[in-house]
Protein backbone atom coordinates (compact mmCIF):
# COMPACT_ATOMS: atom_id res chain seq x y z
CA MET A 1 0.00 0.00 0.00
CA LYS A 2 2.82 2.37 0.95
CA PHE A 3 4.67 1.49 -2.25
CA LYS A 4 1.61 2.37 -4.38
CA LEU A 5 1.22 5.64 -2.49
CA VAL A 6 4.86 6.59 -3.16
CA ILE A 7 4.44 5.81 -6.88
CA ALA A 8 1.29 7.94 -7.03
CA LEU A 9 3.02 10.86 -5.29
CA LEU A 10 6.03 10.65 -7.63
CA PHE A 11 3.76 10.59 -10.67
CA GLY A 12 1.78 13.55 -9.36
CA SER A 13 4.96 15.51 -8.68
CA PHE A 14 6.23 14.81 -12.20
CA PHE A 15 2.88 15.85 -13.70
CA CYS A 16 2.83 19.13 -11.77
CA ALA A 17 6.43 19.90 -12.72
CA ALA A 18 5.62 19.30 -16.36
CA GLN A 19 2.80 21.86 -16.20
CA THR A 20 5.22 24.59 -15.13
CA ALA A 21 7.42 24.09 -18.24
CA VAL A 22 7.01 26.31 -21.30
CA ASN A 23 4.21 25.03 -23.51
CA TYR A 24 5.56 25.47 -27.02
CA ASN A 25 2.24 24.53 -28.59
CA GLN A 26 0.41 27.56 -27.20
CA SER A 27 0.22 31.00 -28.81
CA ASN A 28 3.50 32.91 -28.67
CA LEU A 29 1.64 35.95 -27.34
CA ALA A 30 0.11 33.84 -24.54
CA LYS A 31 3.39 32.29 -23.34
CA LEU A 32 4.42 33.17 -19.80
CA VAL A 33 7.84 34.76 -19.35
CA THR A 34 9.90 35.63 -16.28
CA LEU A 35 12.64 38.26 -16.67
CA ASN A 36 14.44 40.84 -14.56
CA LEU A 37 16.35 43.28 -16.78
CA LYS A 38 17.81 46.64 -15.86
CA ALA A 39 19.03 49.33 -18.26
CA ASN A 40 18.87 47.14 -21.36
CA LYS A 41 18.45 48.31 -24.94
CA ILE A 42 14.96 47.63 -26.28
CA GLY A 43 16.35 45.43 -29.07
CA ASP A 44 18.18 43.27 -26.49
CA VAL A 45 15.04 43.03 -24.35
CA LEU A 46 13.01 41.72 -27.31
CA GLN A 47 15.72 39.18 -28.09
CA LYS A 48 15.68 37.90 -24.49
CA ILE A 49 11.87 37.69 -24.46
CA GLY A 50 12.03 35.68 -27.68
CA SER A 51 14.72 33.36 -26.26
CA ALA A 52 12.63 32.76 -23.14
CA GLY A 53 9.52 31.96 -25.19
CA GLY A 54 11.17 30.04 -28.03
CA PHE A 55 10.29 32.42 -30.88
CA TYR A 56 11.67 35.42 -32.80
CA PHE A 57 10.54 39.01 -33.24
CA THR A 58 10.49 40.68 -36.62
CA TYR A 59 9.94 44.41 -37.04
CA ASN A 60 10.95 47.48 -39.00
CA GLY A 61 14.06 49.05 -37.49
CA ALA A 62 12.34 52.44 -37.54
CA LEU A 63 9.63 51.18 -35.17
CA PHE A 64 11.55 52.43 -32.14
CA GLY A 65 14.95 53.86 -31.24
CA GLN A 66 17.40 50.97 -31.23
CA ASP A 67 19.36 52.57 -28.38
CA SER A 68 16.29 53.17 -26.17
CA ILE A 69 16.99 51.93 -22.64
CA VAL A 70 14.26 50.15 -20.64
CA ASN A 71 13.84 48.24 -17.38
CA LEU A 72 11.72 45.12 -17.23
CA ASN A 73 10.78 43.03 -14.19
CA VAL A 74 8.05 40.44 -14.85
CA ARG A 75 7.18 37.07 -13.41
CA ASN A 76 5.02 34.52 -15.28
CA LYS A 77 3.49 37.27 -17.38
CA PRO A 78 2.01 36.74 -20.87
CA VAL A 79 4.09 38.09 -23.72
CA ARG A 80 1.15 40.19 -24.96
CA GLU A 81 0.95 42.09 -21.66
CA ILE A 82 4.71 42.61 -21.61
CA LEU A 83 4.59 44.12 -25.10
CA ASP A 84 1.64 46.34 -24.16
CA GLU A 85 3.68 47.59 -21.22
CA LEU A 86 6.80 48.18 -23.31
CA PHE A 87 5.07 49.98 -26.18
CA ASP A 88 2.15 51.59 -24.33
CA GLY A 89 -0.41 50.04 -26.69
CA LYS A 90 1.08 51.73 -29.78
CA VAL A 91 2.20 48.51 -31.47
CA ASP A 92 0.07 45.82 -33.09
CA TYR A 93 1.07 42.15 -33.03
CA LYS A 94 0.75 39.28 -35.49
CA GLU A 95 2.20 35.83 -34.97
CA ASN A 96 2.92 32.50 -36.57
CA ALA A 97 4.74 29.39 -35.38
CA GLU A 98 8.17 31.05 -35.23
CA TYR A 99 7.65 34.81 -35.22
CA ILE A 100 5.84 37.66 -33.56
CA ILE A 101 5.53 40.48 -36.08
CA LEU A 102 5.49 43.98 -34.57
CA ARG A 103 3.76 46.78 -36.46
CA TYR A 104 3.37 50.42 -35.44
CA ALA A 105 -0.36 50.96 -34.88
CA VAL A 106 -0.97 53.95 -32.66
CA ASN A 107 -4.32 54.82 -34.29
CA HIS A 108 -7.72 53.13 -34.06
CA PHE A 109 -10.61 53.07 -36.48
CA ALA A 110 -14.05 51.50 -36.95
CA ILE A 111 -16.20 50.24 -39.82
CA GLU A 112 -19.61 51.97 -40.06
CA ALA A 113 -22.12 50.32 -42.38
CA GLU A 114 -24.39 52.68 -44.33
CA SER A 115 -26.29 50.25 -46.53
CA ILE A 116 -26.83 46.48 -46.52
CA VAL A 117 -28.70 44.99 -49.46
CA THR A 118 -29.59 41.32 -49.88
CA ALA A 119 -30.99 39.60 -52.93
CA GLU A 120 -30.94 36.11 -54.34
CA ASN A 121 -27.28 34.97 -54.27
CA LEU A 122 -26.15 38.53 -53.58
CA TYR A 123 -25.09 40.42 -50.46
CA ALA A 124 -23.96 44.06 -50.86
CA ILE A 125 -22.45 46.26 -48.15
CA THR A 126 -21.52 49.91 -48.36
CA GLY A 127 -20.02 51.92 -45.55
CA ARG A 128 -17.20 54.08 -44.28
CA VAL A 129 -14.06 53.67 -42.21
CA ILE A 130 -13.84 56.27 -39.42
CA ASP A 131 -10.93 57.23 -37.16
CA THR A 132 -12.37 56.69 -33.67
CA GLN A 133 -10.18 59.35 -32.07
CA THR A 134 -10.68 62.22 -34.54
CA GLY A 135 -13.93 61.22 -36.24
CA LYS A 136 -12.33 61.79 -39.64
CA LYS A 137 -12.93 59.53 -42.61
CA VAL A 138 -9.94 57.28 -43.36
CA LYS A 139 -8.89 57.07 -47.01
CA ASN A 140 -6.80 54.31 -48.64
CA ALA A 141 -7.76 51.73 -46.01
CA SER A 142 -8.23 48.11 -47.05
CA VAL A 143 -11.63 46.55 -46.27
CA TYR A 144 -11.73 42.84 -46.97
CA GLU A 145 -13.34 39.47 -46.27
CA LYS A 146 -10.64 36.90 -45.59
CA ARG A 147 -12.61 33.76 -46.40
CA LEU A 148 -14.21 35.05 -49.61
CA LEU A 149 -11.11 36.96 -50.79
CA GLN A 150 -13.07 40.11 -51.62
CA SER A 151 -11.58 43.55 -50.93
CA ALA A 152 -11.94 47.27 -51.54
CA ILE A 153 -9.86 50.41 -50.94
CA THR A 154 -11.63 53.34 -49.29
CA ASP A 155 -11.88 56.59 -51.27
CA GLU A 156 -11.18 60.16 -50.14
CA GLU A 157 -14.31 60.07 -47.96
CA GLY A 158 -13.48 56.71 -46.37
CA PHE A 159 -16.23 55.08 -48.46
CA PHE A 160 -16.21 51.45 -49.61
CA ASN A 161 -18.59 49.17 -51.52
CA LEU A 162 -18.39 45.37 -51.52
CA LYS A 163 -20.61 42.75 -53.18
CA PHE A 164 -20.61 39.04 -52.37
CA LYS A 165 -22.19 36.37 -54.54
CA GLY A 166 -23.76 33.25 -53.07
CA ASN A 167 -25.51 32.52 -49.79
CA HIS A 168 -23.50 33.33 -46.68
CA GLU A 169 -24.59 33.01 -43.06
CA ALA A 170 -22.21 35.76 -42.06
CA ILE A 171 -19.83 38.23 -43.64
CA VAL A 172 -16.83 39.31 -41.55
CA LEU A 173 -15.21 42.52 -42.79
CA THR A 174 -11.77 43.57 -41.58
CA ALA A 175 -10.24 47.02 -42.03
CA SER A 176 -6.47 47.44 -42.17
CA LYS A 177 -4.17 50.36 -42.78
CA GLU A 178 -0.62 51.30 -41.93
CA THR A 179 -0.33 52.85 -38.40
CA TYR A 180 -3.86 51.59 -37.50
CA ARG A 181 -4.89 48.58 -35.46
CA ASP A 182 -6.96 46.10 -37.46
CA THR A 183 -10.67 46.09 -36.68
CA SER A 184 -13.39 43.62 -37.71
CA ILE A 185 -17.20 43.65 -37.87
CA VAL A 186 -19.63 40.81 -38.58
CA PHE A 187 -22.72 41.10 -40.81
CA LEU A 188 -25.26 38.29 -40.37
CA SER A 189 -27.40 37.04 -43.24
CA SER A 190 -30.52 38.72 -41.86
CA ILE A 191 -30.47 42.46 -42.47
CA ASP A 192 -32.76 42.88 -39.43
CA ILE A 193 -29.83 42.10 -37.14
CA LYS A 194 -27.58 45.08 -36.58
CA PRO A 195 -23.91 44.53 -37.48
CA LYS A 196 -21.70 44.20 -34.44
CA SER A 197 -18.02 44.27 -33.68
CA TYR A 198 -16.27 40.98 -34.17
CA ASP A 199 -13.35 39.52 -32.24
CA ASP A 200 -11.54 37.73 -35.05
CA PRO A 201 -9.96 34.54 -33.57
CA ASP A 202 -7.24 34.82 -36.22
CA LYS A 203 -6.54 38.51 -35.67
CA ASN A 204 -3.11 37.79 -34.17
CA LYS A 205 -2.15 35.25 -36.80
CA GLY A 206 0.16 36.43 -39.52
CA THR A 207 2.80 35.32 -41.95
CA PHE A 208 6.23 36.89 -42.17
CA VAL A 209 6.32 38.05 -45.80
CA GLY A 210 8.92 40.56 -46.91
CA ASN A 211 7.61 42.16 -50.10
CA LEU A 212 10.94 41.97 -51.93
CA LEU A 213 8.99 42.39 -55.17
CA ASP A 214 9.19 46.13 -54.50
CA ASN A 215 12.97 45.89 -54.97
CA PHE A 216 12.34 45.44 -58.68
CA ARG A 217 11.17 48.63 -60.40
CA ILE A 218 9.51 46.65 -63.18
CA GLY A 219 7.44 44.84 -60.53
CA ARG A 220 6.04 48.19 -59.37
CA TRP A 221 5.24 49.17 -62.96
CA LEU A 222 3.23 46.00 -63.56
CA THR A 223 1.02 46.36 -60.45
CA SER A 224 -1.66 48.95 -59.80
CA SER A 225 -1.65 51.56 -57.04
CA LYS A 226 -4.56 49.73 -55.37
CA GLN A 227 -2.58 46.50 -55.22
CA ARG A 228 0.42 48.29 -53.76
CA LEU A 229 -1.81 49.91 -51.14
CA GLN A 230 -3.28 46.50 -50.35
CA ASN A 231 0.23 45.13 -49.73
CA ILE A 232 1.07 48.01 -47.40
CA ASN A 233 -2.20 47.73 -45.49
CA VAL A 234 -2.35 43.92 -45.29
CA PRO A 235 1.29 42.77 -45.27
CA ASN A 236 1.01 39.61 -43.16
CA PHE A 237 -2.14 37.84 -44.34
CA LEU A 238 -1.71 34.81 -46.59
CA THR A 239 -4.12 32.09 -47.58
CA ASN A 240 -3.93 29.07 -49.88
CA MET A 241 -6.16 28.29 -52.85
CA PRO A 242 -6.02 25.51 -55.45
CA VAL A 243 -6.45 27.57 -58.64
CA GLN A 244 -6.12 31.17 -59.82
CA ALA A 245 -6.83 32.62 -63.25
CA SER A 246 -6.29 36.17 -64.44
CA LEU A 247 -6.23 38.38 -67.48
CA ILE A 248 -3.98 41.05 -65.93
CA PRO A 249 -3.17 41.90 -62.27
CA GLY A 250 -6.43 43.01 -60.64
CA LEU A 251 -8.66 41.29 -63.20
CA SER A 252 -8.45 37.85 -61.68
CA SER A 253 -10.47 35.25 -59.86
CA HIS A 254 -9.14 36.67 -56.57
CA GLY A 255 -9.41 40.36 -57.45
CA ASN A 256 -7.26 42.74 -55.43
CA MET A 257 -6.72 39.99 -52.84
CA SER A 258 -4.59 38.01 -55.31
CA GLY A 259 -1.45 39.36 -53.61
CA SER A 260 -2.47 37.51 -50.44
CA VAL A 261 -3.09 34.11 -52.03
CA VAL A 262 -0.69 31.22 -52.59
CA ASN A 263 -1.97 28.99 -55.40
CA LYS A 264 -1.35 25.40 -56.39
CA PHE A 265 -1.97 26.26 -60.03
CA SER A 266 -2.02 29.72 -61.58
CA ILE A 267 -2.74 30.57 -65.20
CA ASN A 268 -2.48 34.13 -66.51
CA LEU A 269 -3.59 35.04 -70.01
CA VAL A 270 -1.45 38.20 -70.12
CA GLY A 271 -0.06 38.52 -66.61
CA GLY A 272 -0.88 37.70 -63.02
CA TYR A 273 0.00 38.83 -59.51
CA THR A 274 -0.12 36.44 -56.54
CA ALA A 275 1.46 35.92 -53.14
CA GLY A 276 3.17 32.76 -54.36
CA VAL A 277 2.91 29.41 -56.10
CA ASP A 278 3.22 25.93 -54.66
CA GLY A 279 2.81 23.95 -57.86
CA ALA A 280 2.80 25.47 -61.34
CA GLU A 281 2.24 28.87 -62.93
CA LEU A 282 1.88 29.74 -66.62
CA ALA A 283 1.58 33.16 -68.26
CA GLY A 284 1.40 34.53 -71.77
CA VAL A 285 3.57 37.52 -70.84
CA PHE A 286 4.49 37.83 -67.14
CA ASN A 287 4.14 36.32 -63.67
CA LEU A 288 4.49 38.45 -60.50
CA ASN A 289 4.80 36.76 -57.10
CA LYS A 290 5.17 38.54 -53.78
CA ALA A 291 6.62 35.58 -51.88
CA ASP A 292 7.91 32.11 -52.81
CA VAL A 293 7.46 29.99 -55.93
CA ARG A 294 7.96 26.23 -55.97
CA TYR A 295 8.23 23.68 -58.78
CA VAL A 296 7.38 25.24 -62.18
CA GLN A 297 7.00 28.80 -63.48
CA VAL A 298 6.79 29.61 -67.20
CA ALA A 299 6.22 33.00 -68.85
CA GLY A 300 6.38 34.28 -72.39
CA ALA A 301 8.43 37.28 -71.26
CA ILE A 302 9.17 37.77 -67.55
CA ASN A 303 8.97 35.93 -64.22
CA ILE A 304 9.42 38.15 -61.13
CA THR A 305 9.44 36.52 -57.69
CA GLY A 306 9.90 38.55 -54.51
CA GLY A 307 10.82 35.56 -52.35
CA ASN A 308 12.61 32.28 -53.04
CA THR A 309 12.25 29.88 -55.94
CA GLU A 310 12.60 26.12 -55.96
CA GLY A 311 12.34 24.18 -59.19
CA SER A 312 12.29 25.52 -62.75
CA GLN A 313 11.85 29.09 -64.01
CA ILE A 314 11.56 29.55 -67.76
CA ALA A 315 11.01 32.90 -69.47
CA GLY A 316 11.35 34.29 -72.96
CA MET A 317 13.17 37.37 -71.66
CA ALA A 318 14.03 37.43 -67.96
CA ASN A 319 13.74 35.70 -64.59
CA MET A 320 14.13 37.89 -61.50
CA VAL A 321 14.24 36.52 -57.94
CA GLY A 322 14.33 38.65 -54.79
CA GLY A 323 15.48 35.82 -52.52
CA ASN A 324 17.31 32.54 -53.18
CA ALA A 325 16.97 30.36 -56.28
CA ASN A 326 17.32 26.58 -56.10
CA GLY A 327 16.92 24.71 -59.35
CA VAL A 328 17.02 25.78 -62.99
CA GLN A 329 16.62 29.23 -64.54
CA VAL A 330 16.37 29.56 -68.33
CA ALA A 331 15.83 32.95 -69.99
CA GLY A 332 16.32 34.43 -73.42
CA LEU A 333 18.07 37.52 -72.05
CA TYR A 334 18.65 37.76 -68.33
CA ASN A 335 18.58 35.82 -65.05
CA HIS A 336 18.80 37.89 -61.85
CA VAL A 337 18.99 36.54 -58.27
CA ARG A 338 19.37 38.91 -55.30
CA GLY A 339 20.14 36.07 -52.88
CA ASN A 340 22.02 32.79 -53.37
CA THR A 341 21.68 30.21 -56.13
CA ASN A 342 22.10 26.46 -56.12
CA GLY A 343 21.53 25.00 -59.57
CA ILE A 344 21.82 26.08 -63.20
CA GLN A 345 21.37 29.45 -64.92
CA ILE A 346 21.18 29.72 -68.72
CA ALA A 347 20.72 33.12 -70.42
CA THR A 348 22.44 35.83 -72.41
CA VAL A 349 23.51 37.37 -69.07
CA ASN A 350 23.36 35.81 -65.58
CA TYR A 351 23.68 37.72 -62.29
CA VAL A 352 23.79 36.44 -58.70
CA ARG A 353 24.12 38.90 -55.84
CA GLY A 354 25.02 36.27 -53.24
CA LEU A 355 26.72 32.86 -53.31
CA ALA A 356 26.48 30.87 -56.55
CA GLU A 357 26.69 27.08 -56.38
CA GLY A 358 26.27 25.11 -59.57
CA MET A 359 26.59 26.28 -63.18
CA GLN A 360 26.14 29.51 -65.13
CA VAL A 361 26.02 29.38 -68.94
CA SER A 362 25.64 32.57 -70.97
CA ALA A 363 26.26 34.11 -74.37
CA VAL A 364 27.64 37.42 -73.04
CA GLY A 365 28.54 37.26 -69.37
CA ASN A 366 28.14 35.79 -65.88
CA LEU A 367 28.48 37.93 -62.75
CA VAL A 368 28.57 36.66 -59.15
CA ASN A 369 28.75 39.33 -56.46
CA GLU A 370 29.89 36.96 -53.68
CA ASP A 371 31.55 33.51 -53.93
CA LEU A 372 31.37 30.98 -56.75
CA HIS A 373 31.42 27.24 -56.10
CA GLY A 374 30.94 25.71 -59.51
CA ILE A 375 31.25 26.42 -63.22
CA GLN A 376 30.93 29.53 -65.38
CA ILE A 377 30.85 29.30 -69.19
CA THR A 378 30.36 32.33 -71.42
CA GLY A 379 31.13 33.80 -74.80
CA ILE A 380 32.65 37.02 -73.43
CA ALA A 381 33.39 37.44 -69.71
CA ASN A 382 32.96 35.77 -66.32
CA VAL A 383 33.30 37.90 -63.18
CA VAL A 384 33.34 36.75 -59.52
CA ARG A 385 33.66 39.66 -57.12
CA ASN A 386 34.77 37.51 -54.20
CA LYS A 387 36.26 33.98 -54.06
CA ALA A 388 35.98 31.48 -56.90
CA LYS A 389 36.30 27.73 -56.50
CA GLY A 390 35.71 25.74 -59.65
CA PHE A 391 36.01 26.38 -63.38
CA GLN A 392 35.75 29.51 -65.53
CA LEU A 393 35.68 29.33 -69.35
CA ALA A 394 35.34 32.52 -71.41
CA GLY A 395 35.88 33.62 -74.99
CA VAL A 396 37.43 36.91 -73.84
CA GLY A 397 38.22 36.98 -70.13
CA ASN A 398 37.76 35.65 -66.61
CA VAL A 399 37.98 37.69 -63.40
CA ALA A 400 38.14 36.51 -59.78
CA MET A 401 38.51 39.49 -57.47
CA GLN A 402 39.79 37.40 -54.52
CA ASP A 403 41.03 33.79 -54.33
CA MET A 404 40.84 31.54 -57.38
CA LYS A 405 41.00 27.84 -56.58
CA GLY A 406 40.43 25.94 -59.79
CA VAL A 407 40.86 26.64 -63.49
CA GLN A 408 40.56 29.79 -65.61
CA LEU A 409 40.55 29.28 -69.41
CA SER A 410 40.09 32.20 -71.78
CA GLY A 411 40.79 33.38 -75.29
CA ILE A 412 42.47 36.61 -74.16
CA PHE A 413 42.96 37.24 -70.45
CA ASN A 414 42.52 35.84 -66.95
CA TYR A 415 42.73 37.76 -63.69
CA ALA A 416 42.76 36.47 -60.11
CA LYS A 417 43.85 38.49 -57.11
CA HIS A 418 45.23 35.32 -55.50
CA ASN A 419 45.80 32.55 -58.05
CA LYS A 420 45.77 29.19 -56.30
CA GLY A 421 44.92 27.13 -59.36
CA PHE A 422 45.64 27.12 -63.09
CA GLN A 423 45.31 29.93 -65.62
CA LEU A 424 45.47 29.41 -69.39
CA GLY A 425 45.13 32.42 -71.66
CA LEU A 426 46.97 34.86 -73.84
CA ILE A 427 47.47 37.16 -70.83
CA ASN A 428 47.32 35.98 -67.22
CA ILE A 429 47.41 38.46 -64.34
CA ALA A 430 47.46 37.97 -60.58
CA ASP A 431 48.46 39.97 -57.51
CA THR A 432 49.90 36.86 -55.87
CA SER A 433 50.18 33.32 -57.15
CA SER A 434 50.88 29.90 -55.71
CA GLY A 435 49.40 28.19 -58.76
CA VAL A 436 50.36 28.00 -62.43
CA SER A 437 49.81 30.54 -65.22
CA LEU A 438 50.33 29.45 -68.82
CA GLY A 439 50.19 32.12 -71.50
CA LEU A 440 52.11 34.50 -73.71
CA ILE A 441 52.19 37.10 -70.93
CA ASN A 442 52.06 36.09 -67.27
CA ILE A 443 52.13 38.93 -64.73
CA VAL A 444 52.19 38.42 -60.97
CA LYS A 445 52.27 41.77 -59.17
CA HIS A 446 53.96 40.36 -56.07
CA GLY A 447 55.71 37.54 -57.87
CA TYR A 448 58.53 36.83 -60.31
CA HIS A 449 60.02 39.79 -62.24
CA LYS A 450 63.60 39.30 -63.41
CA ILE A 451 65.84 40.68 -66.09
CA GLY A 452 68.51 38.27 -67.28
CA ILE A 453 71.79 39.08 -69.07
CA SER A 454 73.69 36.08 -70.42
CA THR A 455 76.05 34.59 -72.97
CA ASN A 456 76.18 31.10 -74.46
CA ASP A 457 78.08 28.90 -76.89
CA LEU A 458 76.33 30.40 -79.96
CA ILE A 459 75.27 34.00 -79.16
CA ASN A 460 77.47 36.16 -76.98
CA ALA A 461 74.94 38.81 -75.88
CA ASN A 462 71.41 37.93 -74.66
CA ALA A 463 68.79 39.77 -72.62
CA SER A 464 65.61 38.22 -71.20
CA PHE A 465 62.59 39.21 -69.12
CA LYS A 466 61.07 36.58 -66.84
CA SER A 467 57.61 37.03 -65.31
CA GLY A 468 55.25 34.79 -63.35
CA ASN A 469 56.11 32.76 -60.28
CA ALA A 470 58.53 30.02 -59.35
CA ASN A 471 56.04 27.34 -60.42
CA LEU A 472 55.94 28.63 -63.99
CA TYR A 473 57.31 31.82 -65.49
CA THR A 474 57.38 33.08 -69.06
CA ILE A 475 60.56 34.21 -70.78
CA PHE A 476 60.90 36.86 -73.50
CA LEU A 477 64.37 37.02 -74.97
CA LEU A 478 66.47 39.03 -77.43
CA GLY A 479 70.05 38.43 -78.50
CA LYS A 480 72.83 39.31 -80.90
CA ASN A 481 76.12 37.71 -81.69
CA PHE A 482 78.69 40.50 -81.99
CA VAL A 483 81.35 38.68 -84.05
CA THR A 484 82.64 39.92 -87.41
CA ASN A 485 81.17 37.92 -90.31
CA GLU A 486 79.22 35.76 -87.79
CA ASN A 487 76.34 38.07 -86.95
CA ILE A 488 73.13 36.53 -85.59
CA GLU A 489 70.07 38.36 -84.33
CA THR A 490 67.51 36.44 -82.35
CA PHE A 491 64.24 36.77 -80.48
CA GLY A 492 62.16 34.14 -78.75
CA PHE A 493 59.82 32.97 -76.06
CA GLY A 494 59.80 30.23 -73.42
CA PHE A 495 58.85 28.93 -70.00
CA GLY A 496 60.78 28.19 -66.83
CA HIS A 497 60.43 26.63 -63.40
CA ASP A 498 62.49 27.10 -60.23
CA PHE A 499 63.38 24.20 -57.93
CA PHE A 500 64.39 25.88 -54.70
CA ALA A 501 67.11 24.18 -52.69
CA GLY A 502 67.63 26.97 -50.17
CA LYS A 503 67.64 30.70 -49.62
CA ARG A 504 70.78 31.21 -51.68
CA VAL A 505 70.99 28.19 -53.97
CA SER A 506 68.36 27.02 -56.46
CA VAL A 507 68.04 25.08 -59.68
CA SER A 508 65.90 26.16 -62.62
CA ALA A 509 64.80 24.48 -65.83
CA GLU A 510 63.94 26.55 -68.91
CA LEU A 511 62.48 25.61 -72.27
CA THR A 512 62.71 28.21 -75.05
CA ALA A 513 62.27 28.58 -78.80
CA GLN A 514 63.92 31.42 -80.70
CA HIS A 515 64.17 32.55 -84.30
CA LEU A 516 67.65 33.17 -85.70
CA HIS A 517 67.82 36.01 -88.20
CA LEU A 518 70.70 35.46 -90.65
CA GLY A 519 70.32 38.60 -92.71
CA ARG A 520 67.27 37.44 -94.65
CA TRP A 521 63.65 36.50 -93.78
CA ASP A 522 63.29 33.88 -96.53
CA TYR A 523 63.54 30.84 -94.25
CA ALA A 524 62.52 30.03 -90.70
CA ASN A 525 65.45 29.10 -88.48
CA ILE A 526 64.26 27.94 -85.05
CA LEU A 527 66.66 27.10 -82.24
CA ASN A 528 64.97 25.13 -79.42
CA LYS A 529 66.70 24.94 -76.06
CA PHE A 530 66.36 23.04 -72.82
CA GLN A 531 68.52 24.66 -70.19
CA LEU A 532 69.39 23.65 -66.61
CA ASN A 533 70.72 26.45 -64.41
CA LEU A 534 72.41 26.35 -61.04
CA GLN A 535 71.61 29.71 -59.45
CA LEU A 536 73.50 31.40 -56.63
CA ARG A 537 71.93 34.41 -54.93
CA LEU A 538 74.65 36.92 -54.03
CA PHE A 539 72.27 39.38 -52.36
CA LYS A 540 68.71 40.61 -52.78
CA GLY A 541 68.18 41.58 -56.41
CA LEU A 542 71.26 39.88 -57.87
CA SER A 543 72.05 36.25 -58.64
CA VAL A 544 74.43 34.46 -60.99
CA TYR A 545 73.65 31.27 -62.86
CA GLY A 546 75.09 28.83 -65.35
CA GLY A 547 74.57 25.35 -66.69
CA PRO A 548 74.34 22.99 -69.65
CA VAL A 549 72.05 23.62 -72.61
CA LEU A 550 70.57 21.03 -74.93
CA ASN A 551 70.15 22.65 -78.39
CA TYR A 552 67.92 21.39 -81.19
CA TYR A 553 68.09 23.40 -84.44
CA VAL A 554 65.30 23.23 -87.04
CA THR A 555 65.67 25.17 -90.32
CA GLU A 556 63.83 25.37 -93.60
CA ALA A 557 66.99 26.49 -95.42
CA PRO A 558 68.36 23.96 -97.93
CA THR A 559 71.71 22.22 -97.48
CA GLY A 560 74.55 24.53 -98.42
CA TYR A 561 72.50 27.68 -97.79
CA VAL A 562 74.66 30.80 -97.55
CA ALA A 563 73.57 33.55 -95.18
CA ALA A 564 73.69 37.24 -96.04
CA LYS A 565 77.02 38.96 -96.03
CA GLY A 566 78.42 39.39 -92.54
CA TYR A 567 76.08 36.74 -91.03
CA GLN A 568 76.94 33.26 -89.83
CA SER A 569 75.91 30.50 -92.24
CA GLN A 570 76.93 27.46 -90.19
CA ILE A 571 74.88 27.38 -87.00
CA SER A 572 75.42 23.82 -85.82
CA PRO A 573 78.88 22.99 -84.48
CA SER A 574 80.93 20.20 -86.02
CA TYR A 575 80.17 17.87 -83.10
CA SER A 576 76.40 18.14 -83.47
CA LYS A 577 74.34 14.98 -83.99
CA LYS A 578 71.43 14.35 -86.33
CA ILE A 579 68.15 13.77 -84.48
CA ASN A 580 65.16 13.11 -86.75
CA GLY A 581 66.96 14.94 -89.55
CA ASN A 582 67.79 18.02 -87.48
CA ASP A 583 70.94 19.00 -85.59
CA GLY A 584 71.28 18.63 -81.85
CA TRP A 585 74.17 19.39 -79.53
CA LEU A 586 75.11 20.11 -75.95
CA GLY A 587 76.12 23.67 -75.20
CA TRP A 588 76.39 26.02 -72.22
CA ALA A 589 75.12 29.33 -70.85
CA VAL A 590 76.11 31.66 -68.00
CA GLY A 591 74.54 34.91 -66.85
CA ILE A 592 73.09 37.09 -64.13
CA ASN A 593 69.52 37.79 -62.98
CA LEU A 594 68.53 41.22 -61.71
CA PHE A 595 65.63 41.81 -59.29
């Protein structure tokens, strides 16, 4: 008996303790919070209230002074009452599962019905919206029925007129406007019953929707002033419907409430405007979406999405996304993403403001404002304004403004601030380089810049310029043999690599090809060299080197060819060997490097 009693007491204690824990299933505004804060900034106080209740606040930074200092000492007090105390009733609240949305709403208004007319399958209401404190009529307020998705904007006299088709037991009208608290009134089916105020059970429910569509000027052009007012007045109401059809924005199955509806399927003859799509959307000319789009969106000209996209966007001219894009974007002219991308972009020009992961393919250019992790292919230029990790291929040029880890291939030039990969182009430029640059001109600002002066077994005066880095540098060379009746002028190009053995001693290998001018330009005379140099650094800016040279001479001149007067006719020494019909021999070179 005692044992059963102990078990019952333990169970009861556990049950009571569980009831004192935070109930995360209840309304965020109803959660009880205990805090004792002194001289805290208002922003910090809101953050701590959110942490205690397991939610976040979202609000416009201009709602209050961020540096305002407040004291707060509450025990087991509902969040709603704490906010009323902090803001003195001047802020309105909406909530969803994760957020409480704060909105400045110091003013109050009421809906006053002037005429209610009922007929078969028709219910018409006219009235005005009045400021309860001043008695003035309120213009540009939104009056709407949430369930039936009917709305109107009040005129200069605060007047509105709404008609509802079908039989309805009750019509609940809500009025909303910036700086005003929402108010609702219910109209019952019988006109003999006076309309009365209505406590909307969903009045504190809202959805955090940032209208990023306004960031695109073309999005503002394609929507009416009434729709923009509706978005300002009713920013946090969203509902879901299976189908939407429209001719143009405003002339649709959801009227001016279309900006508050997320549809499974949306079809727009010319263009349409909705809150979002969770399925498919088709348009003859354009699609406008305030929030997110998932799965498929196709337009003859333009798709503009204020939020995120997931899936495929296809447009004849342009796709524009205010948030992140995950999936495929195909456009005839332009793809634009203000957030991050993860997928494929194909257009004449592609732009990503954030991080780009995946592939960009364009006819003219690809631009990524942050990092690239993937592939860029274009006919003209690829530009990454931060770090690039992957592959860039361009007909003209590639640019990585910070680190480049990967490959840059171009027809003309490549630039990377810090080259940590491989560059192949006519001109390769980097500020610093630990990778490899292969091209006619390789310039590393903080890298390898040397002027060489040397002599060898064939030409007694040579000058060279070496640029790049120790991994691979390019060599431009000029020379002249100043010997009577044995003149030779030469110019050439090559590559070299340094094998460092220490601070003062190193070994380099160089491969060059140079043309020998023998007084005439009638035949090509190419001297190919592979040279090994032992280098000794005497002090900073000066080193000496020397080593063996393997020469391989290829000429188009016929046997017995005589050079111009004063020039050397016999290039190959007597001890040269025939290798595939051309002369080869072992020679030498010594010289100095400056800088």
